[in-house]
Amino acid sequence: TVREVWLTGGPAPDHYVDVTDVIDRKLAALQSHVSQVAHV
């Protein structure tokens, strides 16, 4: 039994996670997808 689900991309979010301290790691993860984002 999974106790909770968090959904992304919906029109009415009700929970926010402060990711300021890890924003550089999030960006590094995104920039790893060279085939998708290098042209942006």
PDB file of all heavy atoms in Angstrom:
ATOM      1  N   THR A   1       0.835  -1.198   0.000  1.00  0.00           N
ATOM      2  CA  THR A   1       0.000   0.000   0.000  1.00  0.00           C
ATOM      3  C   THR A   1       0.869   1.248   0.000  1.00  0.00           C
ATOM      4  O   THR A   1       1.611   1.490   0.955  1.00  0.00           O
ATOM      5  CB  THR A   1      -0.933   0.018   1.223  1.00  0.00           C
ATOM      6  OG1 THR A   1      -1.815  -1.116   1.154  1.00  0.00           O
ATOM      7  CG2 THR A   1      -1.762   1.299   1.259  1.00  0.00           C
ATOM      8  N   VAL A   2       0.776   2.018  -1.069  1.00  0.00           N
ATOM      9  CA  VAL A   2       1.425   3.332  -1.137  1.00  0.00           C
ATOM     10  C   VAL A   2       0.578   4.306  -0.331  1.00  0.00           C
ATOM     11  O   VAL A   2      -0.638   4.377  -0.489  1.00  0.00           O
ATOM     12  CB  VAL A   2       1.541   3.802  -2.602  1.00  0.00           C
ATOM     13  CG1 VAL A   2       2.111   5.217  -2.667  1.00  0.00           C
ATOM     14  CG2 VAL A   2       2.388   2.833  -3.408  1.00  0.00           C
ATOM     15  N   ARG A   3       1.205   5.089   0.506  1.00  0.00           N
ATOM     16  CA  ARG A   3       0.451   5.936   1.427  1.00  0.00           C
ATOM     17  C   ARG A   3       0.079   7.294   0.849  1.00  0.00           C
ATOM     18  O   ARG A   3      -0.859   7.942   1.328  1.00  0.00           O
ATOM     19  CB  ARG A   3       1.243   6.111   2.721  1.00  0.00           C
ATOM     20  CG  ARG A   3       1.491   4.784   3.445  1.00  0.00           C
ATOM     21  CD  ARG A   3       2.374   4.953   4.652  1.00  0.00           C
ATOM     22  NE  ARG A   3       1.754   5.824   5.655  1.00  0.00           N
ATOM     23  CZ  ARG A   3       2.404   6.299   6.716  1.00  0.00           C
ATOM     24  NH1 ARG A   3       3.686   6.010   6.885  1.00  0.00           N
ATOM     25  NH2 ARG A   3       1.794   7.079   7.585  1.00  0.00           N
ATOM     26  N   GLU A   4       0.825   7.747  -0.177  1.00  0.00           N
ATOM     27  CA  GLU A   4       0.539   9.074  -0.723  1.00  0.00           C
ATOM     28  C   GLU A   4       1.103   9.169  -2.135  1.00  0.00           C
ATOM     29  O   GLU A   4       2.091   8.523  -2.466  1.00  0.00           O
ATOM     30  CB  GLU A   4       1.175  10.144   0.175  1.00  0.00           C
ATOM     31  CG  GLU A   4       0.721  11.576  -0.102  1.00  0.00           C
ATOM     32  CD  GLU A   4       1.162  12.487   1.043  1.00  0.00           C
ATOM     33  OE1 GLU A   4       2.296  13.013   0.982  1.00  0.00           O
ATOM     34  OE2 GLU A   4       0.372  12.656   1.997  1.00  0.00           O
ATOM     35  N   VAL A   5       0.447   9.980  -2.969  1.00  0.00           N
ATOM     36  CA  VAL A   5       0.896  10.247  -4.330  1.00  0.00           C
ATOM     37  C   VAL A   5       1.009  11.756  -4.513  1.00  0.00           C
ATOM     38  O   VAL A   5       0.134  12.511  -4.060  1.00  0.00           O
ATOM     39  CB  VAL A   5      -0.082   9.668  -5.365  1.00  0.00           C
ATOM     40  CG1 VAL A   5       0.354  10.035  -6.788  1.00  0.00           C
ATOM     41  CG2 VAL A   5      -0.193   8.152  -5.224  1.00  0.00           C
ATOM     42  N   TRP A   6       2.088  12.195  -5.175  1.00  0.00           N
ATOM     43  CA  TRP A   6       2.225  13.589  -5.583  1.00  0.00           C
ATOM     44  C   TRP A   6       2.149  13.630  -7.108  1.00  0.00           C
ATOM     45  O   TRP A   6       2.861  12.903  -7.799  1.00  0.00           O
ATOM     46  CB  TRP A   6       3.554  14.180  -5.152  1.00  0.00           C
ATOM     47  CG  TRP A   6       3.740  14.340  -3.668  1.00  0.00           C
ATOM     48  CD1 TRP A   6       2.864  14.019  -2.667  1.00  0.00           C
ATOM     49  CD2 TRP A   6       4.910  14.872  -3.022  1.00  0.00           C
ATOM     50  NE1 TRP A   6       3.407  14.311  -1.446  1.00  0.00           N
ATOM     51  CE2 TRP A   6       4.656  14.852  -1.631  1.00  0.00           C
ATOM     52  CE3 TRP A   6       6.123  15.388  -3.486  1.00  0.00           C
ATOM     53  CZ2 TRP A   6       5.603  15.299  -0.696  1.00  0.00           C
ATOM     54  CZ3 TRP A   6       7.056  15.830  -2.573  1.00  0.00           C
ATOM     55  CH2 TRP A   6       6.788  15.795  -1.188  1.00  0.00           C
ATOM     56  N   LEU A   7       1.291  14.505  -7.645  1.00  0.00           N
ATOM     57  CA  LEU A   7       1.112  14.647  -9.080  1.00  0.00           C
ATOM     58  C   LEU A   7       1.799  15.908  -9.581  1.00  0.00           C
ATOM     59  O   LEU A   7       1.673  16.982  -8.969  1.00  0.00           O
ATOM     60  CB  LEU A   7      -0.372  14.715  -9.422  1.00  0.00           C
ATOM     61  CG  LEU A   7      -1.228  13.523  -8.981  1.00  0.00           C
ATOM     62  CD1 LEU A   7      -2.697  13.788  -9.292  1.00  0.00           C
ATOM     63  CD2 LEU A   7      -0.759  12.236  -9.650  1.00  0.00           C
ATOM     64  N   THR A   8       2.506  15.807 -10.699  1.00  0.00           N
ATOM     65  CA  THR A   8       3.159  16.961 -11.314  1.00  0.00           C
ATOM     66  C   THR A   8       2.390  17.383 -12.561  1.00  0.00           C
ATOM     67  O   THR A   8       1.738  16.568 -13.212  1.00  0.00           O
ATOM     68  CB  THR A   8       4.609  16.647 -11.710  1.00  0.00           C
ATOM     69  OG1 THR A   8       4.605  15.653 -12.751  1.00  0.00           O
ATOM     70  CG2 THR A   8       5.407  16.128 -10.530  1.00  0.00           C
ATOM     71  N   GLY A   9       2.500  18.663 -12.905  1.00  0.00           N
ATOM     72  CA  GLY A   9       1.965  19.142 -14.171  1.00  0.00           C
ATOM     73  C   GLY A   9       0.489  19.448 -14.188  1.00  0.00           C
ATOM     74  O   GLY A   9      -0.061  19.764 -15.249  1.00  0.00           O
ATOM     75  N   GLY A  10      -0.180  19.373 -13.053  1.00  0.00           N
ATOM     76  CA  GLY A  10      -1.613  19.636 -13.013  1.00  0.00           C
ATOM     77  C   GLY A  10      -1.933  21.113 -12.908  1.00  0.00           C
ATOM     78  O   GLY A  10      -1.064  21.942 -12.649  1.00  0.00           O
ATOM     79  N   PRO A  11      -3.214  21.461 -13.081  1.00  0.00           N
ATOM     80  CA  PRO A  11      -3.602  22.879 -13.077  1.00  0.00           C
ATOM     81  C   PRO A  11      -3.766  23.487 -11.694  1.00  0.00           C
ATOM     82  O   PRO A  11      -3.853  24.704 -11.568  1.00  0.00           O
ATOM     83  CB  PRO A  11      -4.949  22.858 -13.804  1.00  0.00           C
ATOM     84  CG  PRO A  11      -5.513  21.499 -13.498  1.00  0.00           C
ATOM     85  CD  PRO A  11      -4.327  20.572 -13.452  1.00  0.00           C
ATOM     86  N   ALA A  12      -3.813  22.659 -10.643  1.00  0.00           N
ATOM     87  CA  ALA A  12      -4.130  23.196  -9.317  1.00  0.00           C
ATOM     88  C   ALA A  12      -3.238  22.589  -8.246  1.00  0.00           C
ATOM     89  O   ALA A  12      -3.698  21.832  -7.383  1.00  0.00           O
ATOM     90  CB  ALA A  12      -5.601  22.943  -8.980  1.00  0.00           C
ATOM     91  N   PRO A  13      -1.937  22.909  -8.246  1.00  0.00           N
ATOM     92  CA  PRO A  13      -1.051  22.355  -7.207  1.00  0.00           C
ATOM     93  C   PRO A  13      -1.435  22.879  -5.837  1.00  0.00           C
ATOM     94  O   PRO A  13      -1.920  23.997  -5.696  1.00  0.00           O
ATOM     95  CB  PRO A  13       0.333  22.853  -7.628  1.00  0.00           C
ATOM     96  CG  PRO A  13       0.071  24.066  -8.456  1.00  0.00           C
ATOM     97  CD  PRO A  13      -1.213  23.797  -9.173  1.00  0.00           C
ATOM     98  N   ASP A  14      -1.204  22.032  -4.834  1.00  0.00           N
ATOM     99  CA  ASP A  14      -1.512  22.433  -3.459  1.00  0.00           C
ATOM    100  C   ASP A  14      -0.362  22.155  -2.496  1.00  0.00           C
ATOM    101  O   ASP A  14      -0.508  22.268  -1.289  1.00  0.00           O
ATOM    102  CB  ASP A  14      -2.789  21.753  -2.969  1.00  0.00           C
ATOM    103  CG  ASP A  14      -2.740  20.232  -3.079  1.00  0.00           C
ATOM    104  OD1 ASP A  14      -1.640  19.669  -3.281  1.00  0.00           O
ATOM    105  OD2 ASP A  14      -3.811  19.595  -2.973  1.00  0.00           O
ATOM    106  N   HIS A  15       0.792  21.786  -3.052  1.00  0.00           N
ATOM    107  CA  HIS A  15       1.976  21.537  -2.223  1.00  0.00           C
ATOM    108  C   HIS A  15       3.202  21.987  -2.994  1.00  0.00           C
ATOM    109  O   HIS A  15       3.374  21.654  -4.172  1.00  0.00           O
ATOM    110  CB  HIS A  15       2.088  20.049  -1.881  1.00  0.00           C
ATOM    111  CG  HIS A  15       3.322  19.706  -1.110  1.00  0.00           C
ATOM    112  ND1 HIS A  15       3.654  20.298   0.087  1.00  0.00           N
ATOM    113  CD2 HIS A  15       4.334  18.821  -1.388  1.00  0.00           C
ATOM    114  CE1 HIS A  15       4.790  19.802   0.534  1.00  0.00           C
ATOM    115  NE2 HIS A  15       5.219  18.906  -0.345  1.00  0.00           N
ATOM    116  N   TYR A  16       4.045  22.768  -2.323  1.00  0.00           N
ATOM    117  CA  TYR A  16       5.241  23.317  -2.954  1.00  0.00           C
ATOM    118  C   TYR A  16       6.467  22.907  -2.151  1.00  0.00           C
ATOM    119  O   TYR A  16       6.453  22.949  -0.923  1.00  0.00           O
ATOM    120  CB  TYR A  16       5.161  24.837  -3.025  1.00  0.00           C
ATOM    121  CG  TYR A  16       3.969  25.342  -3.822  1.00  0.00           C
ATOM    122  CD1 TYR A  16       2.738  25.543  -3.200  1.00  0.00           C
ATOM    123  CD2 TYR A  16       4.073  25.589  -5.187  1.00  0.00           C
ATOM    124  CE1 TYR A  16       1.636  25.986  -3.924  1.00  0.00           C
ATOM    125  CE2 TYR A  16       2.985  26.033  -5.919  1.00  0.00           C
ATOM    126  CZ  TYR A  16       1.767  26.233  -5.276  1.00  0.00           C
ATOM    127  OH  TYR A  16       0.682  26.666  -6.007  1.00  0.00           O
ATOM    128  N   VAL A  17       7.508  22.514  -2.861  1.00  0.00           N
ATOM    129  CA  VAL A  17       8.770  22.130  -2.231  1.00  0.00           C
ATOM    130  C   VAL A  17       9.816  23.174  -2.601  1.00  0.00           C
ATOM    131  O   VAL A  17      10.069  23.427  -3.790  1.00  0.00           O
ATOM    132  CB  VAL A  17       9.219  20.732  -2.692  1.00  0.00           C
ATOM    133  CG1 VAL A  17      10.587  20.396  -2.109  1.00  0.00           C
ATOM    134  CG2 VAL A  17       8.189  19.683  -2.296  1.00  0.00           C
ATOM    135  N   ASP A  18      10.424  23.784  -1.602  1.00  0.00           N
ATOM    136  CA  ASP A  18      11.480  24.775  -1.817  1.00  0.00           C
ATOM    137  C   ASP A  18      12.746  24.043  -2.250  1.00  0.00           C
ATOM    138  O   ASP A  18      13.339  23.292  -1.465  1.00  0.00           O
ATOM    139  CB  ASP A  18      11.721  25.574  -0.538  1.00  0.00           C
ATOM    140  CG  ASP A  18      12.663  26.766  -0.740  1.00  0.00           C
ATOM    141  OD1 ASP A  18      13.550  26.684  -1.613  1.00  0.00           O
ATOM    142  OD2 ASP A  18      12.516  27.758  -0.007  1.00  0.00           O
ATOM    143  N   VAL A  19      13.152  24.252  -3.502  1.00  0.00           N
ATOM    144  CA  VAL A  19      14.318  23.552  -4.043  1.00  0.00           C
ATOM    145  C   VAL A  19      15.488  24.509  -4.279  1.00  0.00           C
ATOM    146  O   VAL A  19      16.420  24.191  -5.030  1.00  0.00           O
ATOM    147  CB  VAL A  19      13.967  22.800  -5.347  1.00  0.00           C
ATOM    148  CG1 VAL A  19      12.915  21.745  -5.085  1.00  0.00           C
ATOM    149  CG2 VAL A  19      13.500  23.764  -6.438  1.00  0.00           C
ATOM    150  N   THR A  20      15.447  25.661  -3.621  1.00  0.00           N
ATOM    151  CA  THR A  20      16.488  26.673  -3.831  1.00  0.00           C
ATOM    152  C   THR A  20      17.882  26.116  -3.569  1.00  0.00           C
ATOM    153  O   THR A  20      18.822  26.372  -4.340  1.00  0.00           O
ATOM    154  CB  THR A  20      16.237  27.881  -2.909  1.00  0.00           C
ATOM    155  OG1 THR A  20      14.895  28.342  -3.097  1.00  0.00           O
ATOM    156  CG2 THR A  20      17.211  29.005  -3.205  1.00  0.00           C
ATOM    157  N   ASP A  21      18.016  25.337  -2.500  1.00  0.00           N
ATOM    158  CA  ASP A  21      19.345  24.843  -2.117  1.00  0.00           C
ATOM    159  C   ASP A  21      19.887  23.803  -3.091  1.00  0.00           C
ATOM    160  O   ASP A  21      21.095  23.508  -3.059  1.00  0.00           O
ATOM    161  CB  ASP A  21      19.297  24.246  -0.702  1.00  0.00           C
ATOM    162  CG  ASP A  21      19.079  25.299   0.371  1.00  0.00           C
ATOM    163  OD1 ASP A  21      19.261  26.499   0.072  1.00  0.00           O
ATOM    164  OD2 ASP A  21      18.719  24.924   1.506  1.00  0.00           O
ATOM    165  N   VAL A  22      19.017  23.250  -3.948  1.00  0.00           N
ATOM    166  CA  VAL A  22      19.468  22.216  -4.891  1.00  0.00           C
ATOM    167  C   VAL A  22      19.180  22.608  -6.336  1.00  0.00           C
ATOM    168  O   VAL A  22      19.229  21.753  -7.233  1.00  0.00           O
ATOM    169  CB  VAL A  22      18.815  20.848  -4.569  1.00  0.00           C
ATOM    170  CG1 VAL A  22      19.324  20.315  -3.237  1.00  0.00           C
ATOM    171  CG2 VAL A  22      17.291  20.933  -4.581  1.00  0.00           C
ATOM    172  N   ILE A  23      18.902  23.891  -6.570  1.00  0.00           N
ATOM    173  CA  ILE A  23      18.549  24.299  -7.930  1.00  0.00           C
ATOM    174  C   ILE A  23      19.684  24.043  -8.906  1.00  0.00           C
ATOM    175  O   ILE A  23      19.447  23.688 -10.080  1.00  0.00           O
ATOM    176  CB  ILE A  23      18.103  25.785  -7.972  1.00  0.00           C
ATOM    177  CG1 ILE A  23      17.484  26.130  -9.326  1.00  0.00           C
ATOM    178  CG2 ILE A  23      19.258  26.714  -7.624  1.00  0.00           C
ATOM    179  CD1 ILE A  23      16.187  25.413  -9.633  1.00  0.00           C
ATOM    180  N   ASP A  24      20.936  24.158  -8.457  1.00  0.00           N
ATOM    181  CA  ASP A  24      22.057  23.894  -9.363  1.00  0.00           C
ATOM    182  C   ASP A  24      22.107  22.431  -9.762  1.00  0.00           C
ATOM    183  O   ASP A  24      22.458  22.108 -10.912  1.00  0.00           O
ATOM    184  CB  ASP A  24      23.375  24.306  -8.714  1.00  0.00           C
ATOM    185  CG  ASP A  24      23.531  25.819  -8.609  1.00  0.00           C
ATOM    186  OD1 ASP A  24      22.792  26.541  -9.305  1.00  0.00           O
ATOM    187  OD2 ASP A  24      24.381  26.274  -7.807  1.00  0.00           O
ATOM    188  N   ARG A  25      21.754  21.542  -8.841  1.00  0.00           N
ATOM    189  CA  ARG A  25      21.728  20.107  -9.173  1.00  0.00           C
ATOM    190  C   ARG A  25      20.557  19.792 -10.100  1.00  0.00           C
ATOM    191  O   ARG A  25      20.669  18.947 -11.001  1.00  0.00           O
ATOM    192  CB  ARG A  25      21.672  19.277  -7.897  1.00  0.00           C
ATOM    193  CG  ARG A  25      22.997  19.285  -7.139  1.00  0.00           C
ATOM    194  CD  ARG A  25      22.840  18.936  -5.686  1.00  0.00           C
ATOM    195  NE  ARG A  25      22.397  17.562  -5.468  1.00  0.00           N
ATOM    196  CZ  ARG A  25      22.031  17.095  -4.277  1.00  0.00           C
ATOM    197  NH1 ARG A  25      22.049  17.895  -3.207  1.00  0.00           N
ATOM    198  NH2 ARG A  25      21.656  15.844  -4.143  1.00  0.00           N
ATOM    199  N   LYS A  26      19.429  20.459  -9.886  1.00  0.00           N
ATOM    200  CA  LYS A  26      18.293  20.282 -10.802  1.00  0.00           C
ATOM    201  C   LYS A  26      18.674  20.734 -12.209  1.00  0.00           C
ATOM    202  O   LYS A  26      18.390  20.037 -13.196  1.00  0.00           O
ATOM    203  CB  LYS A  26      17.089  21.070 -10.293  1.00  0.00           C
ATOM    204  CG  LYS A  26      15.840  20.983 -11.186  1.00  0.00           C
ATOM    205  CD  LYS A  26      14.708  21.803 -10.610  1.00  0.00           C
ATOM    206  CE  LYS A  26      13.482  21.806 -11.527  1.00  0.00           C
ATOM    207  NZ  LYS A  26      12.761  20.515 -11.499  1.00  0.00           N
ATOM    208  N   LEU A  27      19.328  21.880 -12.309  1.00  0.00           N
ATOM    209  CA  LEU A  27      19.769  22.366 -13.614  1.00  0.00           C
ATOM    210  C   LEU A  27      20.785  21.419 -14.244  1.00  0.00           C
ATOM    211  O   LEU A  27      20.739  21.168 -15.453  1.00  0.00           O
ATOM    212  CB  LEU A  27      20.370  23.763 -13.474  1.00  0.00           C
ATOM    213  CG  LEU A  27      19.366  24.899 -13.320  1.00  0.00           C
ATOM    214  CD1 LEU A  27      20.085  26.190 -12.936  1.00  0.00           C
ATOM    215  CD2 LEU A  27      18.565  25.097 -14.596  1.00  0.00           C
ATOM    216  N   ALA A  28      21.699  20.891 -13.444  1.00  0.00           N
ATOM    217  CA  ALA A  28      22.683  19.942 -13.977  1.00  0.00           C
ATOM    218  C   ALA A  28      21.989  18.699 -14.510  1.00  0.00           C
ATOM    219  O   ALA A  28      22.375  18.157 -15.554  1.00  0.00           O
ATOM    220  CB  ALA A  28      23.691  19.574 -12.888  1.00  0.00           C
ATOM    221  N   ALA A  29      20.953  18.249 -13.789  1.00  0.00           N
ATOM    222  CA  ALA A  29      20.189  17.093 -14.266  1.00  0.00           C
ATOM    223  C   ALA A  29      19.521  17.419 -15.598  1.00  0.00           C
ATOM    224  O   ALA A  29      19.604  16.635 -16.565  1.00  0.00           O
ATOM    225  CB  ALA A  29      19.148  16.696 -13.224  1.00  0.00           C
ATOM    226  N   LEU A  30      18.873  18.561 -15.686  1.00  0.00           N
ATOM    227  CA  LEU A  30      18.202  18.941 -16.929  1.00  0.00           C
ATOM    228  C   LEU A  30      19.187  19.104 -18.077  1.00  0.00           C
ATOM    229  O   LEU A  30      18.917  18.685 -19.216  1.00  0.00           O
ATOM    230  CB  LEU A  30      17.421  20.236 -16.705  1.00  0.00           C
ATOM    231  CG  LEU A  30      16.101  20.070 -15.950  1.00  0.00           C
ATOM    232  CD1 LEU A  30      15.586  21.412 -15.453  1.00  0.00           C
ATOM    233  CD2 LEU A  30      15.063  19.402 -16.847  1.00  0.00           C
ATOM    234  N   GLN A  31      20.336  19.688 -17.797  1.00  0.00           N
ATOM    235  CA  GLN A  31      21.317  19.915 -18.852  1.00  0.00           C
ATOM    236  C   GLN A  31      22.030  18.633 -19.277  1.00  0.00           C
ATOM    237  O   GLN A  31      22.737  18.625 -20.293  1.00  0.00           O
ATOM    238  CB  GLN A  31      22.298  21.000 -18.410  1.00  0.00           C
ATOM    239  CG  GLN A  31      21.642  22.371 -18.359  1.00  0.00           C
ATOM    240  CD  GLN A  31      22.466  23.422 -17.643  1.00  0.00           C
ATOM    241  OE1 GLN A  31      23.222  23.115 -16.717  1.00  0.00           O
ATOM    242  NE2 GLN A  31      22.329  24.671 -18.054  1.00  0.00           N
ATOM    243  N   SER A  32      21.806  17.551 -18.528  1.00  0.00           N
ATOM    244  CA  SER A  32      22.313  16.249 -18.962  1.00  0.00           C
ATOM    245  C   SER A  32      21.559  15.741 -20.193  1.00  0.00           C
ATOM    246  O   SER A  32      22.080  14.899 -20.932  1.00  0.00           O
ATOM    247  CB  SER A  32      22.177  15.218 -17.833  1.00  0.00           C
ATOM    248  OG  SER A  32      22.953  15.575 -16.710  1.00  0.00           O
ATOM    249  N   HIS A  33      20.367  16.266 -20.411  1.00  0.00           N
ATOM    250  CA  HIS A  33      19.550  15.853 -21.553  1.00  0.00           C
ATOM    251  C   HIS A  33      19.918  16.709 -22.767  1.00  0.00           C
ATOM    252  O   HIS A  33      19.117  17.495 -23.285  1.00  0.00           O
ATOM    253  CB  HIS A  33      18.067  15.985 -21.205  1.00  0.00           C
ATOM    254  CG  HIS A  33      17.646  15.129 -20.062  1.00  0.00           C
ATOM    255  ND1 HIS A  33      17.389  13.784 -20.202  1.00  0.00           N
ATOM    256  CD2 HIS A  33      17.459  15.421 -18.749  1.00  0.00           C
ATOM    257  CE1 HIS A  33      17.050  13.284 -19.020  1.00  0.00           C
ATOM    258  NE2 HIS A  33      17.088  14.257 -18.127  1.00  0.00           N
ATOM    259  N   VAL A  34      21.142  16.518 -23.220  1.00  0.00           N
ATOM    260  CA  VAL A  34      21.697  17.362 -24.281  1.00  0.00           C
ATOM    261  C   VAL A  34      20.844  17.288 -25.544  1.00  0.00           C
ATOM    262  O   VAL A  34      20.610  18.299 -26.220  1.00  0.00           O
ATOM    263  CB  VAL A  34      23.152  16.948 -24.581  1.00  0.00           C
ATOM    264  CG1 VAL A  34      23.713  17.754 -25.747  1.00  0.00           C
ATOM    265  CG2 VAL A  34      24.016  17.128 -23.338  1.00  0.00           C
ATOM    266  N   SER A  35      20.357  16.111 -25.867  1.00  0.00           N
ATOM    267  CA  SER A  35      19.582  15.943 -27.098  1.00  0.00           C
ATOM    268  C   SER A  35      18.271  16.716 -27.063  1.00  0.00           C
ATOM    269  O   SER A  35      17.665  16.959 -28.109  1.00  0.00           O
ATOM    270  CB  SER A  35      19.294  14.460 -27.341  1.00  0.00           C
ATOM    271  OG  SER A  35      18.422  13.939 -26.334  1.00  0.00           O
ATOM    272  N   GLN A  36      17.830  17.104 -25.880  1.00  0.00           N
ATOM    273  CA  GLN A  36      16.549  17.785 -25.737  1.00  0.00           C
ATOM    274  C   GLN A  36      16.679  19.290 -25.525  1.00  0.00           C
ATOM    275  O   GLN A  36      15.794  20.051 -25.913  1.00  0.00           O
ATOM    276  CB  GLN A  36      15.776  17.204 -24.548  1.00  0.00           C
ATOM    277  CG  GLN A  36      15.670  15.692 -24.546  1.00  0.00           C
ATOM    278  CD  GLN A  36      15.016  15.156 -25.805  1.00  0.00           C
ATOM    279  OE1 GLN A  36      13.855  15.455 -26.077  1.00  0.00           O
ATOM    280  NE2 GLN A  36      15.752  14.369 -26.567  1.00  0.00           N
ATOM    281  N   VAL A  37      17.735  19.735 -24.861  1.00  0.00           N
ATOM    282  CA  VAL A  37      17.767  21.127 -24.404  1.00  0.00           C
ATOM    283  C   VAL A  37      18.938  21.945 -24.924  1.00  0.00           C
ATOM    284  O   VAL A  37      18.953  23.168 -24.754  1.00  0.00           O
ATOM    285  CB  VAL A  37      17.755  21.191 -22.856  1.00  0.00           C
ATOM    286  CG1 VAL A  37      16.582  20.397 -22.289  1.00  0.00           C
ATOM    287  CG2 VAL A  37      19.070  20.706 -22.257  1.00  0.00           C
ATOM    288  N   ALA A  38      19.910  21.308 -25.563  1.00  0.00           N
ATOM    289  CA  ALA A  38      21.116  22.052 -25.956  1.00  0.00           C
ATOM    290  C   ALA A  38      20.807  23.178 -26.934  1.00  0.00           C
ATOM    291  O   ALA A  38      21.530  24.181 -26.987  1.00  0.00           O
ATOM    292  CB  ALA A  38      22.140  21.103 -26.567  1.00  0.00           C
ATOM    293  N   HIS A  39      19.735  23.048 -27.694  1.00  0.00           N
ATOM    294  CA  HIS A  39      19.398  24.044 -28.704  1.00  0.00           C
ATOM    295  C   HIS A  39      18.606  25.223 -28.139  1.00  0.00           C
ATOM    296  O   HIS A  39      18.374  26.203 -28.852  1.00  0.00           O
ATOM    297  CB  HIS A  39      18.554  23.394 -29.805  1.00  0.00           C
ATOM    298  CG  HIS A  39      17.202  22.942 -29.337  1.00  0.00           C
ATOM    299  ND1 HIS A  39      17.048  21.855 -28.501  1.00  0.00           N
ATOM    300  CD2 HIS A  39      15.957  23.445 -29.555  1.00  0.00           C
ATOM    301  CE1 HIS A  39      15.752  21.702 -28.243  1.00  0.00           C
ATOM    302  NE2 HIS A  39      15.078  22.655 -28.865  1.00  0.00           N
ATOM    303  N   VAL A  40      18.186  25.160 -26.874  1.00  0.00           N
ATOM    304  CA  VAL A  40      17.318  26.184 -26.291  1.00  0.00           C
ATOM    305  C   VAL A  40      18.155  27.357 -25.802  1.00  0.00           C
ATOM    306  O   VAL A  40      18.969  27.212 -24.882  1.00  0.00           O
ATOM    307  CB  VAL A  40      16.476  25.611 -25.133  1.00  0.00           C
ATOM    308  CG1 VAL A  40      15.579  26.706 -24.547  1.00  0.00           C
ATOM    309  CG2 VAL A  40      15.642  24.427 -25.614  1.00  0.00           C
TER     310      VAL A  40
END
